[in-house]
Amino acid sequence: MSEQIVIVGFGPVAARLVDELLPAVRSGLVALTVVGEEAEAAYNRVLVADLGVGRTTADALALSDAEALAADGVDVRLGLRVRRVDRARQQVLLSDDAAVHYDRLVFATGSRPVIPNLTGINPDPTHPVLPAGVTALRDLRDADVLRQAVEGGKRVVVLGGGVLGLETALAAAEEGATVTVVHNGPHPLGRNIDRGGGAVLAASLRRCGVRMAGNARSTGVEHNAADGGFSALLLDDGSAIDGDLLVISCGVRPRTELAEGCGLSTSAGILVDHKLRAHHEPHIFAIGDCAEVRCPDPDCARCRNAKGPSGLVGPGWRQAEWLAEYLAQLASGAPEDAGLLPELPVEQAGVIVLKARGMNMAVAGDNAAEPWDEELLTAGAVNGRARLQIAQWADPEHGRYVKMTTRGGVLEGLVAVGMPRTAAELVGLFERGAELPADRSLLLRLDGPDQLPGAGPADPQETVCRCAGVSGAAIQGAVEEGCATVAEVSKATRAGTGCGGCHEDIKGLIEKHFQAVSAA
């Protein structure tokens, strides 16, 4: 008899889990039901801003085909909410009053945008009511709102200086909109980037046509008397920033309410162990933005410094791939084989990459220390560890800045603005845990005028698509087998199906291949 698996949520991470479980579904080993709140099957939510400025299409964002899944035997239920999980009966109760039995239940509920408590907006954190002209840019309908504003030459105000907010602002500005970014702090990306890098980043954003309003605390929104739509963002100093559309980009919060409602343990996210099982509940799992990997063992060394969900699609995809194999092993009736599977690897520190026309930035690790901090000037090791060393270079006039924080020659943090080749090399060194050259200036020369333009990583085994974990060699192999566009490479390898930041690198590898063929 087939094991009944129910997946709650149908975003990018759930879509990957469904794809990976399809062989077990086709063989009859698993009966699979996926419940999605939206009317559409899974699509790439990360690129909703690109859709909103007209750079891509809804079809290009699609990650699943509901009809094709149904033909494979998957029970796809769209436009429905899960009202409650009955753990005693192992049932999921849906908003259409249907009850679906499960042997294994997977929460892939993702996250919801954080809506600040502003006058003029319903403060309910779970069901905020956004007035006309205000969007959090999370779904296809939000993309339509942004598209109408950009195409109509409207003024766009972005509240929040995080990565998604900056990418939205840059994309809208590149398409001709008047854009202002409002953030609380001296520079954008305040939680991720140091003071020098943040200042150069802010200046680079201005050069790209994005107006910046820093150290600004918003208090409310003002509405048009005529149609009730957004007209201004109010600040605590009594000033206001006029606009026609407000895009709220103040981070996300894991959706844990269903798990809490059925008595599961939660913290920032749904607490799961290293096999992605909910605490003290072997039939329930969680993956992606809603899951927080922290096992119940208080002495677990891996969990001692555990953080909440990463908010990145790449780790969620890797969880989905691992869990699919684990669930298939359990369904096969060989739990002893499932127990032999290696545990899910610990995720490395995330790398933040920001790309736009005329702008490039990469940030990773802890880069807060400054080269003249007193403790860094003390010779010798500290508490048995090699002391931090800082190498820093700045050219603010031309929008270029590099900072390397090392311990024992190995990168612990980096910032690179306006130095794309140096950034690529530093990110590769950071991810491999490799030592930097003793002469750090060698890395700066990668962006010098004497360097010939190239495409892709110097080492083919280096990762090009961090979201899907695809190397330059894998992309090159797909191109050699006939893939001639980014879309074709994405279909063959999954590269470029995440944040989209590697599209230019994939394009460069394709062009490099055909240039070599032409020259041969």
Protein backbone atom coordinates (compact mmCIF):
# COMPACT_ATOMS: atom_id res chain seq x y z
CA MET A 1 0.00 0.00 0.00
CA SER A 2 1.30 3.48 -0.90
CA GLU A 3 2.44 5.78 1.88
CA GLN A 4 0.40 8.99 1.91
CA ILE A 5 2.59 12.11 2.00
CA VAL A 6 0.97 15.55 2.27
CA ILE A 7 2.91 18.74 1.57
CA VAL A 8 1.46 21.96 2.97
CA GLY A 9 2.56 24.90 0.83
CA PHE A 10 3.47 25.05 -2.85
CA GLY A 11 6.35 27.48 -3.22
CA PRO A 12 9.79 26.91 -4.78
CA VAL A 13 10.99 24.58 -2.00
CA ALA A 14 7.83 22.47 -2.06
CA ALA A 15 8.09 22.29 -5.86
CA ARG A 16 11.60 20.83 -5.57
CA LEU A 17 10.38 18.24 -3.04
CA VAL A 18 7.52 17.26 -5.37
CA ASP A 19 9.93 16.89 -8.31
CA GLU A 20 12.28 14.71 -6.28
CA LEU A 21 9.41 12.49 -5.07
CA LEU A 22 7.95 11.92 -8.55
CA PRO A 23 9.84 8.64 -9.17
CA ALA A 24 8.37 7.23 -5.96
CA VAL A 25 4.91 8.45 -6.99
CA ARG A 26 5.15 6.91 -10.47
CA SER A 27 6.26 3.58 -9.00
CA GLY A 28 3.31 3.52 -6.60
CA LEU A 29 5.51 3.70 -3.54
CA VAL A 30 4.11 7.09 -2.50
CA ALA A 31 0.71 8.77 -2.82
CA LEU A 32 1.39 12.51 -2.83
CA THR A 33 -0.90 15.46 -2.10
CA VAL A 34 0.27 19.08 -2.27
CA VAL A 35 -1.88 21.94 -0.98
CA GLY A 36 -1.22 25.47 -2.25
CA GLU A 37 -2.87 28.65 -1.00
CA GLU A 38 -2.47 30.49 -4.30
CA ALA A 39 -4.44 29.67 -7.43
CA GLU A 40 -1.19 29.14 -9.35
CA ALA A 41 1.23 26.23 -9.08
CA ALA A 42 4.71 26.96 -7.72
CA TYR A 43 6.66 29.80 -9.29
CA ASN A 44 9.96 31.54 -8.55
CA ARG A 45 8.96 34.11 -5.95
CA VAL A 46 12.50 35.50 -5.81
CA LEU A 47 12.09 37.00 -9.30
CA VAL A 48 8.72 38.65 -8.74
CA ALA A 49 10.41 42.08 -8.90
CA ASP A 50 11.86 41.22 -12.33
CA LEU A 51 8.36 40.29 -13.46
CA GLY A 52 7.08 43.58 -12.06
CA VAL A 53 9.47 45.64 -14.17
CA GLY A 54 8.83 43.63 -17.33
CA ARG A 55 12.14 41.77 -17.51
CA THR A 56 10.59 38.31 -17.46
CA THR A 57 7.24 36.60 -17.87
CA ALA A 58 4.99 34.61 -15.57
CA ASP A 59 5.62 31.54 -17.75
CA ALA A 60 9.37 31.92 -17.25
CA LEU A 61 8.86 32.04 -13.47
CA ALA A 62 6.82 28.83 -13.39
CA LEU A 63 8.45 25.95 -11.51
CA SER A 64 5.63 23.40 -11.71
CA ASP A 65 2.84 22.40 -14.06
CA ALA A 66 -0.27 21.33 -12.13
CA GLU A 67 -1.74 19.39 -15.06
CA ALA A 68 1.50 17.50 -15.68
CA LEU A 69 1.79 16.64 -11.99
CA ALA A 70 -1.80 15.41 -11.94
CA ALA A 71 -1.05 13.22 -14.97
CA ASP A 72 1.83 11.71 -12.96
CA GLY A 73 -0.54 10.90 -10.12
CA VAL A 74 0.04 13.85 -7.78
CA ASP A 75 -3.08 15.21 -6.07
CA VAL A 76 -2.64 18.97 -6.55
CA ARG A 77 -5.05 21.20 -4.61
CA LEU A 78 -4.69 24.89 -5.40
CA GLY A 79 -6.44 27.93 -3.97
CA LEU A 80 -7.01 26.21 -0.65
CA ARG A 81 -5.80 26.93 2.89
CA VAL A 82 -5.10 24.37 5.58
CA ARG A 83 -7.35 25.31 8.48
CA ARG A 84 -6.00 22.82 10.98
CA VAL A 85 -3.74 19.79 11.40
CA ASP A 86 -5.26 16.97 13.48
CA ARG A 87 -2.21 15.07 14.72
CA ALA A 88 -4.28 12.49 16.64
CA ARG A 89 -6.11 11.39 13.48
CA GLN A 90 -3.21 12.28 11.15
CA GLN A 91 -5.46 14.50 9.05
CA VAL A 92 -5.15 17.87 7.36
CA LEU A 93 -8.40 19.87 7.35
CA LEU A 94 -8.78 22.21 4.38
CA SER A 95 -10.72 25.42 3.84
CA ASP A 96 -13.20 23.57 1.56
CA ASP A 97 -14.00 21.28 4.54
CA ALA A 98 -12.16 18.32 3.00
CA ALA A 99 -10.02 16.14 5.25
CA VAL A 100 -6.83 14.58 3.85
CA HIS A 101 -5.13 11.70 5.67
CA TYR A 102 -1.35 11.62 5.94
CA ASP A 103 1.27 9.08 6.94
CA ARG A 104 3.95 11.78 6.62
CA LEU A 105 3.26 15.50 6.66
CA VAL A 106 5.70 18.14 5.38
CA PHE A 107 5.35 21.80 6.26
CA ALA A 108 6.71 23.95 3.43
CA THR A 109 4.73 27.03 4.38
CA GLY A 110 7.58 29.47 3.75
CA SER A 111 7.46 32.96 5.20
CA ARG A 112 5.32 36.07 5.10
CA PRO A 113 6.52 39.66 4.73
CA VAL A 114 7.03 41.72 7.85
CA ILE A 115 4.62 44.65 7.76
CA PRO A 116 5.74 47.51 10.03
CA ASN A 117 3.23 49.08 12.37
CA LEU A 118 2.37 52.21 10.40
CA THR A 119 -0.70 54.36 10.77
CA GLY A 120 -2.91 53.79 7.78
CA ILE A 121 -2.13 50.04 7.57
CA ASN A 122 -3.93 47.28 9.44
CA PRO A 123 -1.37 46.12 12.03
CA ASP A 124 -2.60 42.49 12.13
CA PRO A 125 0.71 40.61 11.59
CA THR A 126 -0.90 37.52 10.04
CA HIS A 127 -3.50 39.17 7.79
CA PRO A 128 -2.45 42.78 7.16
CA VAL A 129 -4.76 44.76 4.92
CA LEU A 130 -2.63 46.84 2.58
CA PRO A 131 -4.36 49.90 1.11
CA ALA A 132 -4.32 50.68 -2.59
CA GLY A 133 -0.85 51.69 -3.76
CA VAL A 134 0.94 49.65 -1.06
CA THR A 135 2.46 46.23 -1.80
CA ALA A 136 4.88 43.79 -0.18
CA LEU A 137 5.84 42.36 -3.60
CA ARG A 138 5.41 38.68 -2.79
CA ASP A 139 3.11 37.25 -5.47
CA LEU A 140 2.04 37.61 -9.09
CA ARG A 141 -0.67 40.15 -8.26
CA ASP A 142 1.90 42.34 -6.51
CA ALA A 143 4.06 42.15 -9.65
CA ASP A 144 1.14 43.49 -11.69
CA VAL A 145 0.87 46.47 -9.33
CA LEU A 146 4.58 47.26 -9.73
CA ARG A 147 4.42 46.85 -13.49
CA GLN A 148 1.58 49.35 -13.80
CA ALA A 149 3.52 51.87 -11.70
CA VAL A 150 6.76 51.48 -13.69
CA GLU A 151 5.05 51.57 -17.07
CA GLY A 152 3.05 54.61 -15.99
CA GLY A 153 6.13 56.55 -14.93
CA LYS A 154 4.97 56.66 -11.32
CA ARG A 155 7.06 57.47 -8.26
CA VAL A 156 8.05 54.34 -6.34
CA VAL A 157 9.03 54.43 -2.65
CA VAL A 158 10.80 51.32 -1.32
CA LEU A 159 10.71 50.92 2.47
CA GLY A 160 13.63 48.78 3.59
CA GLY A 161 17.34 48.63 2.73
CA GLY A 162 17.74 44.86 2.47
CA VAL A 163 18.74 42.88 -0.62
CA LEU A 164 15.25 42.41 -2.05
CA GLY A 165 14.38 46.06 -1.52
CA LEU A 166 17.57 47.23 -3.22
CA GLU A 167 17.13 44.83 -6.13
CA THR A 168 13.57 46.05 -6.62
CA ALA A 169 14.70 49.68 -6.48
CA LEU A 170 17.54 49.11 -8.95
CA ALA A 171 15.33 47.21 -11.38
CA ALA A 172 12.59 49.87 -11.29
CA ALA A 173 15.12 52.70 -11.68
CA GLU A 174 16.77 50.95 -14.63
CA GLU A 175 13.36 50.80 -16.31
CA GLY A 176 12.89 54.55 -15.87
CA ALA A 177 10.87 54.87 -12.67
CA THR A 178 11.60 57.54 -10.06
CA VAL A 179 12.66 55.48 -7.02
CA THR A 180 13.45 56.40 -3.41
CA VAL A 181 14.76 53.86 -0.88
CA VAL A 182 13.93 54.66 2.76
CA HIS A 183 15.89 52.80 5.41
CA ASN A 184 16.62 53.08 9.11
CA GLY A 185 20.37 53.39 9.56
CA PRO A 186 23.34 55.26 8.10
CA HIS A 187 23.57 52.98 5.04
CA PRO A 188 21.64 50.16 3.33
CA LEU A 189 22.27 46.51 4.18
CA GLY A 190 23.03 47.65 7.71
CA ARG A 191 23.01 44.10 9.12
CA ASN A 192 25.36 42.69 6.51
CA ILE A 193 27.89 45.29 5.42
CA ASP A 194 30.49 47.42 7.19
CA ARG A 195 30.43 51.23 7.35
CA GLY A 196 32.90 51.85 4.51
CA GLY A 197 31.28 49.36 2.16
CA GLY A 198 27.84 50.67 3.03
CA ALA A 199 28.82 54.24 2.21
CA VAL A 200 30.26 53.23 -1.19
CA LEU A 201 27.19 51.07 -1.85
CA ALA A 202 24.84 53.98 -1.12
CA ALA A 203 26.83 56.23 -3.45
CA SER A 204 26.71 53.56 -6.18
CA LEU A 205 22.95 53.26 -5.78
CA ARG A 206 22.61 57.01 -6.27
CA ARG A 207 24.71 56.80 -9.43
CA CYS A 208 22.28 54.15 -10.68
CA GLY A 209 19.41 56.62 -10.27
CA VAL A 210 18.09 55.47 -6.87
CA ARG A 211 17.43 58.20 -4.34
CA MET A 212 18.46 57.28 -0.80
CA ALA A 213 16.83 58.39 2.45
CA GLY A 214 18.89 57.03 5.34
CA ASN A 215 18.46 57.29 9.12
CA ALA A 216 14.72 57.59 8.46
CA ARG A 217 12.06 56.19 10.77
CA SER A 218 8.68 55.80 9.09
CA THR A 219 5.53 56.32 11.14
CA GLY A 220 2.62 56.08 8.73
CA VAL A 221 1.22 56.35 5.23
CA GLU A 222 -0.83 59.17 3.79
CA HIS A 223 -3.67 58.53 1.34
CA ASN A 224 -5.09 60.45 -1.60
CA ALA A 225 -8.36 62.13 -0.84
CA ALA A 226 -9.64 61.22 -4.31
CA ASP A 227 -9.15 57.44 -4.51
CA GLY A 228 -7.72 56.49 -1.11
CA GLY A 229 -4.45 55.29 -2.66
CA PHE A 230 -0.96 55.82 -1.27
CA SER A 231 0.40 59.35 -1.62
CA ALA A 232 3.25 59.69 0.90
CA LEU A 233 5.34 57.90 3.52
CA LEU A 234 5.39 59.86 6.79
CA LEU A 235 8.60 60.07 8.85
CA ASP A 236 9.09 60.71 12.56
CA ASP A 237 10.79 64.07 11.97
CA GLY A 238 7.56 65.41 10.48
CA SER A 239 8.70 65.15 6.87
CA ALA A 240 7.12 63.04 4.15
CA ILE A 241 8.33 61.27 1.01
CA ASP A 242 5.79 61.60 -1.76
CA GLY A 243 5.07 58.71 -4.09
CA ASP A 244 2.48 56.76 -6.04
CA LEU A 245 3.46 53.25 -4.93
CA LEU A 246 4.94 52.04 -1.64
CA VAL A 247 6.86 48.75 -1.77
CA ILE A 248 7.36 47.34 1.74
CA SER A 249 10.54 45.27 1.95
CA CYS A 250 11.23 44.94 5.68
CA GLY A 251 12.17 41.27 5.78
CA VAL A 252 10.15 38.11 6.26
CA ARG A 253 8.94 35.99 9.16
CA PRO A 254 8.54 32.18 9.03
CA ARG A 255 4.95 30.97 8.83
CA THR A 256 4.61 28.78 11.90
CA GLU A 257 0.98 29.34 12.92
CA LEU A 258 -0.27 25.98 11.62
CA ALA A 259 2.53 24.13 13.42
CA GLU A 260 1.89 26.06 16.62
CA GLY A 261 -1.83 25.35 16.29
CA CYS A 262 -1.22 21.59 16.39
CA GLY A 263 1.24 21.78 19.29
CA LEU A 264 4.60 21.54 17.56
CA SER A 265 7.65 23.23 19.03
CA THR A 266 8.64 26.50 17.37
CA SER A 267 11.17 29.28 17.87
CA ALA A 268 11.99 31.57 14.95
CA GLY A 269 10.73 28.69 12.77
CA ILE A 270 9.32 25.18 13.22
CA LEU A 271 11.97 23.33 15.22
CA VAL A 272 13.31 20.25 13.41
CA ASP A 273 16.22 17.88 14.01
CA HIS A 274 19.01 16.99 11.60
CA LYS A 275 16.64 14.73 9.69
CA LEU A 276 14.17 17.63 9.34
CA ARG A 277 11.70 15.93 11.70
CA ALA A 278 9.61 18.06 14.02
CA HIS A 279 10.61 17.68 17.66
CA HIS A 280 9.02 14.59 19.24
CA GLU A 281 6.85 13.97 16.16
CA PRO A 282 8.29 11.39 13.69
CA HIS A 283 5.44 11.77 11.19
CA ILE A 284 5.89 15.53 10.57
CA PHE A 285 8.72 17.39 8.80
CA ALA A 286 9.48 20.98 7.84
CA ILE A 287 11.71 22.47 5.13
CA GLY A 288 12.61 25.86 3.72
CA ASP A 289 11.88 29.26 5.22
CA CYS A 290 9.52 27.86 7.88
CA ALA A 291 12.04 25.34 9.26
CA GLU A 292 14.65 25.94 11.94
CA VAL A 293 17.21 23.15 12.24
CA ARG A 294 17.98 22.79 15.92
CA CYS A 295 17.77 19.32 17.42
CA PRO A 296 16.35 18.59 20.91
CA ASP A 297 19.77 17.52 22.26
CA PRO A 298 21.06 20.46 24.35
CA ASP A 299 24.62 19.12 24.04
CA CYS A 300 24.67 18.96 20.24
CA ALA A 301 27.76 20.85 19.05
CA ARG A 302 26.23 21.51 15.62
CA CYS A 303 23.24 23.25 17.20
CA ARG A 304 25.17 25.32 19.74
CA ASN A 305 25.38 28.31 17.42
CA ALA A 306 22.34 27.44 15.32
CA LYS A 307 20.49 30.35 13.76
CA GLY A 308 16.98 30.62 12.42
CA PRO A 309 15.92 29.95 8.82
CA SER A 310 18.31 31.44 6.26
CA GLY A 311 15.62 32.99 4.08
CA LEU A 312 17.51 31.78 0.98
CA VAL A 313 16.10 29.41 -1.61
CA GLY A 314 19.31 27.38 -2.05
CA PRO A 315 19.36 25.81 1.43
CA GLY A 316 15.65 25.03 1.10
CA TRP A 317 16.24 23.21 -2.17
CA ARG A 318 19.01 21.14 -0.64
CA GLN A 319 16.71 20.24 2.26
CA ALA A 320 14.01 19.20 -0.22
CA GLU A 321 16.40 16.96 -2.15
CA TRP A 322 17.65 15.27 1.01
CA LEU A 323 14.17 14.83 2.49
CA ALA A 324 12.81 13.28 -0.72
CA GLU A 325 15.41 10.52 -0.51
CA TYR A 326 14.72 10.01 3.19
CA LEU A 327 10.93 9.82 2.72
CA ALA A 328 11.31 7.40 -0.19
CA GLN A 329 13.45 5.13 1.99
CA LEU A 330 10.86 5.24 4.77
CA ALA A 331 8.04 4.49 2.30
CA SER A 332 9.95 1.49 0.95
CA GLY A 333 9.53 -0.22 4.31
CA ALA A 334 13.26 -0.20 5.01
CA PRO A 335 13.67 2.32 7.85
CA GLU A 336 17.06 0.81 8.62
CA ASP A 337 18.26 1.95 5.18
CA ALA A 338 16.85 5.42 5.82
CA GLY A 339 18.84 5.52 9.03
CA LEU A 340 22.02 4.94 7.04
CA LEU A 341 21.55 8.05 4.93
CA PRO A 342 24.15 10.73 5.75
CA GLU A 343 22.72 13.61 7.72
CA LEU A 344 21.88 16.81 5.94
CA PRO A 345 25.14 18.80 5.62
CA VAL A 346 25.49 22.00 7.61
CA GLU A 347 24.88 25.03 5.42
CA GLN A 348 27.77 27.42 4.90
CA ALA A 349 27.41 31.09 5.70
CA GLY A 350 25.39 32.75 2.98
CA VAL A 351 26.85 35.05 0.34
CA ILE A 352 24.87 38.16 -0.60
CA VAL A 353 25.28 39.19 -4.22
CA LEU A 354 23.77 42.33 -5.73
CA LYS A 355 24.04 42.93 -9.48
CA ALA A 356 22.69 45.64 -11.72
CA ARG A 357 23.78 47.49 -14.83
CA GLY A 358 26.90 49.36 -13.81
CA MET A 359 26.94 47.93 -10.29
CA ASN A 360 28.24 44.78 -8.57
CA MET A 361 28.47 43.87 -4.88
CA ALA A 362 29.28 40.75 -2.86
CA VAL A 363 29.16 40.45 0.94
CA ALA A 364 29.79 37.42 3.15
CA GLY A 365 30.63 36.49 6.71
CA ASP A 366 31.54 38.83 9.55
CA ASN A 367 33.02 42.04 8.18
CA ALA A 368 32.25 44.46 11.02
CA ALA A 369 35.81 44.75 12.41
CA GLU A 370 37.87 47.76 11.32
CA PRO A 371 41.64 47.61 10.65
CA TRP A 372 42.41 50.11 13.42
CA ASP A 373 40.37 48.40 16.17
CA GLU A 374 42.63 48.28 19.21
CA GLU A 375 42.31 44.53 19.80
CA LEU A 376 43.39 43.82 16.21
CA LEU A 377 46.62 45.74 16.72
CA THR A 378 47.67 43.44 19.56
CA ALA A 379 50.30 41.01 18.32
CA GLY A 380 49.85 37.27 18.79
CA ALA A 381 46.92 34.91 19.15
CA VAL A 382 43.85 35.63 21.26
CA ASN A 383 42.42 32.79 23.40
CA GLY A 384 44.44 30.29 21.39
CA ARG A 385 43.08 31.50 18.05
CA ALA A 386 44.94 33.45 15.40
CA ARG A 387 43.96 37.10 15.54
CA LEU A 388 41.83 38.76 12.92
CA GLN A 389 43.57 40.69 10.17
CA ILE A 390 41.92 43.29 7.97
CA ALA A 391 42.95 44.31 4.46
CA GLN A 392 40.95 47.25 3.13
CA TRP A 393 40.99 49.31 -0.06
CA ALA A 394 38.66 52.11 -1.09
CA ASP A 395 38.12 54.28 -4.16
CA PRO A 396 34.81 55.99 -3.33
CA GLU A 397 34.98 58.40 -6.27
CA HIS A 398 34.73 55.47 -8.70
CA GLY A 399 32.42 53.36 -6.51
CA ARG A 400 34.98 50.69 -5.64
CA TYR A 401 35.67 49.14 -2.26
CA VAL A 402 37.18 45.86 -1.00
CA LYS A 403 37.56 44.54 2.52
CA MET A 404 38.99 41.16 3.50
CA THR A 405 38.69 39.91 7.07
CA THR A 406 40.96 36.90 7.62
CA ARG A 407 42.05 34.64 10.44
CA GLY A 408 45.16 32.58 9.81
CA GLY A 409 45.03 33.69 6.18
CA VAL A 410 41.50 32.27 5.66
CA LEU A 411 38.59 34.58 4.87
CA GLU A 412 36.01 35.03 7.63
CA GLY A 413 34.30 37.98 5.97
CA LEU A 414 34.43 40.00 2.79
CA VAL A 415 32.96 43.07 1.12
CA ALA A 416 33.48 43.91 -2.55
CA VAL A 417 31.66 46.78 -4.26
CA GLY A 418 32.29 47.70 -7.89
CA MET A 419 34.99 45.00 -8.27
CA PRO A 420 33.27 42.07 -10.01
CA ARG A 421 36.29 39.87 -10.74
CA THR A 422 37.80 40.43 -7.32
CA ALA A 423 34.40 39.67 -5.79
CA ALA A 424 34.09 36.40 -7.74
CA GLU A 425 37.55 35.26 -6.62
CA LEU A 426 36.95 36.21 -2.99
CA VAL A 427 33.59 34.43 -2.89
CA GLY A 428 35.22 31.29 -4.30
CA LEU A 429 37.99 31.44 -1.68
CA PHE A 430 35.42 32.06 1.08
CA GLU A 431 33.25 29.10 0.08
CA ARG A 432 36.25 26.74 -0.18
CA GLY A 433 37.83 27.96 3.05
CA ALA A 434 41.07 28.48 1.10
CA GLU A 435 43.92 30.75 2.13
CA LEU A 436 44.38 34.13 0.49
CA PRO A 437 47.66 35.02 -1.17
CA ALA A 438 50.08 36.73 1.20
CA ASP A 439 50.01 39.78 -1.07
CA ARG A 440 46.33 40.76 -0.93
CA SER A 441 46.81 43.36 -3.66
CA LEU A 442 47.06 40.53 -6.20
CA LEU A 443 43.30 40.10 -5.83
CA LEU A 444 42.64 43.78 -6.53
CA ARG A 445 44.55 43.51 -9.80
CA LEU A 446 41.90 41.13 -11.15
CA ASP A 447 39.83 44.23 -11.92
CA GLY A 448 42.76 46.15 -13.34
CA PRO A 449 42.78 47.53 -16.90
CA ASP A 450 45.38 44.98 -18.00
CA GLN A 451 43.06 42.04 -17.36
CA LEU A 452 41.31 40.62 -20.40
CA PRO A 453 37.55 40.08 -20.05
CA GLY A 454 36.59 36.48 -19.39
CA ALA A 455 33.47 34.46 -18.71
CA GLY A 456 32.76 32.11 -15.89
CA PRO A 457 35.03 30.88 -13.11
CA ALA A 458 38.72 30.22 -13.63
CA ASP A 459 38.21 26.77 -12.08
CA PRO A 460 35.38 24.91 -13.90
CA GLN A 461 34.52 23.09 -10.66
CA GLU A 462 33.69 26.36 -8.92
CA THR A 463 30.03 27.02 -8.29
CA VAL A 464 28.32 29.39 -10.72
CA CYS A 465 24.74 29.02 -9.45
CA ARG A 466 24.82 29.05 -5.66
CA CYS A 467 21.07 28.56 -5.29
CA ALA A 468 21.06 25.23 -7.14
CA GLY A 469 24.71 24.33 -6.50
CA VAL A 470 25.66 24.05 -10.18
CA SER A 471 29.31 24.29 -11.24
CA GLY A 472 30.80 25.91 -14.31
CA ALA A 473 31.72 22.44 -15.59
CA ALA A 474 28.10 21.26 -15.42
CA ILE A 475 26.94 24.34 -17.33
CA GLN A 476 29.69 23.92 -19.89
CA GLY A 477 28.66 20.29 -20.32
CA ALA A 478 25.05 21.31 -20.97
CA VAL A 479 26.19 23.85 -23.57
CA GLU A 480 28.36 21.24 -25.29
CA GLU A 481 25.30 18.97 -25.47
CA GLY A 482 23.31 21.61 -27.35
CA CYS A 483 21.96 24.18 -24.86
CA ALA A 484 22.29 27.60 -26.49
CA THR A 485 20.30 29.91 -24.20
CA VAL A 486 20.12 30.61 -20.48
CA ALA A 487 16.60 29.12 -20.41
CA GLU A 488 17.83 25.89 -22.01
CA VAL A 489 20.75 25.63 -19.58
CA SER A 490 18.36 26.25 -16.68
CA LYS A 491 16.05 23.49 -17.85
CA ALA A 492 18.93 21.03 -18.23
CA THR A 493 20.85 21.84 -15.02
CA ARG A 494 18.54 23.98 -12.82
CA ALA A 495 21.22 26.69 -12.87
CA GLY A 496 19.67 30.15 -12.81
CA THR A 497 16.31 29.01 -11.43
CA GLY A 498 16.84 30.72 -8.08
CA CYS A 499 17.72 34.36 -7.51
CA GLY A 500 18.81 34.89 -11.13
CA GLY A 501 22.09 36.51 -10.13
CA CYS A 502 24.08 34.02 -12.20
CA HIS A 503 22.25 34.63 -15.51
CA GLU A 504 25.04 36.83 -16.88
CA ASP A 505 27.66 34.26 -15.88
CA ILE A 506 25.71 31.50 -17.65
CA LYS A 507 25.33 33.72 -20.71
CA GLY A 508 29.07 34.39 -20.65
CA LEU A 509 29.87 30.65 -20.57
CA ILE A 510 27.54 30.06 -23.52
CA GLU A 511 29.18 32.88 -25.52
CA LYS A 512 32.65 31.65 -24.59
CA HIS A 513 31.81 28.17 -25.89
CA PHE A 514 30.50 29.38 -29.24
CA GLN A 515 33.42 31.78 -29.67
CA ALA A 516 35.78 28.84 -29.20
CA VAL A 517 33.79 26.76 -31.70
CA SER A 518 33.92 29.58 -34.26
CA ALA A 519 37.66 30.01 -33.82
CA ALA A 520 38.35 26.28 -34.21
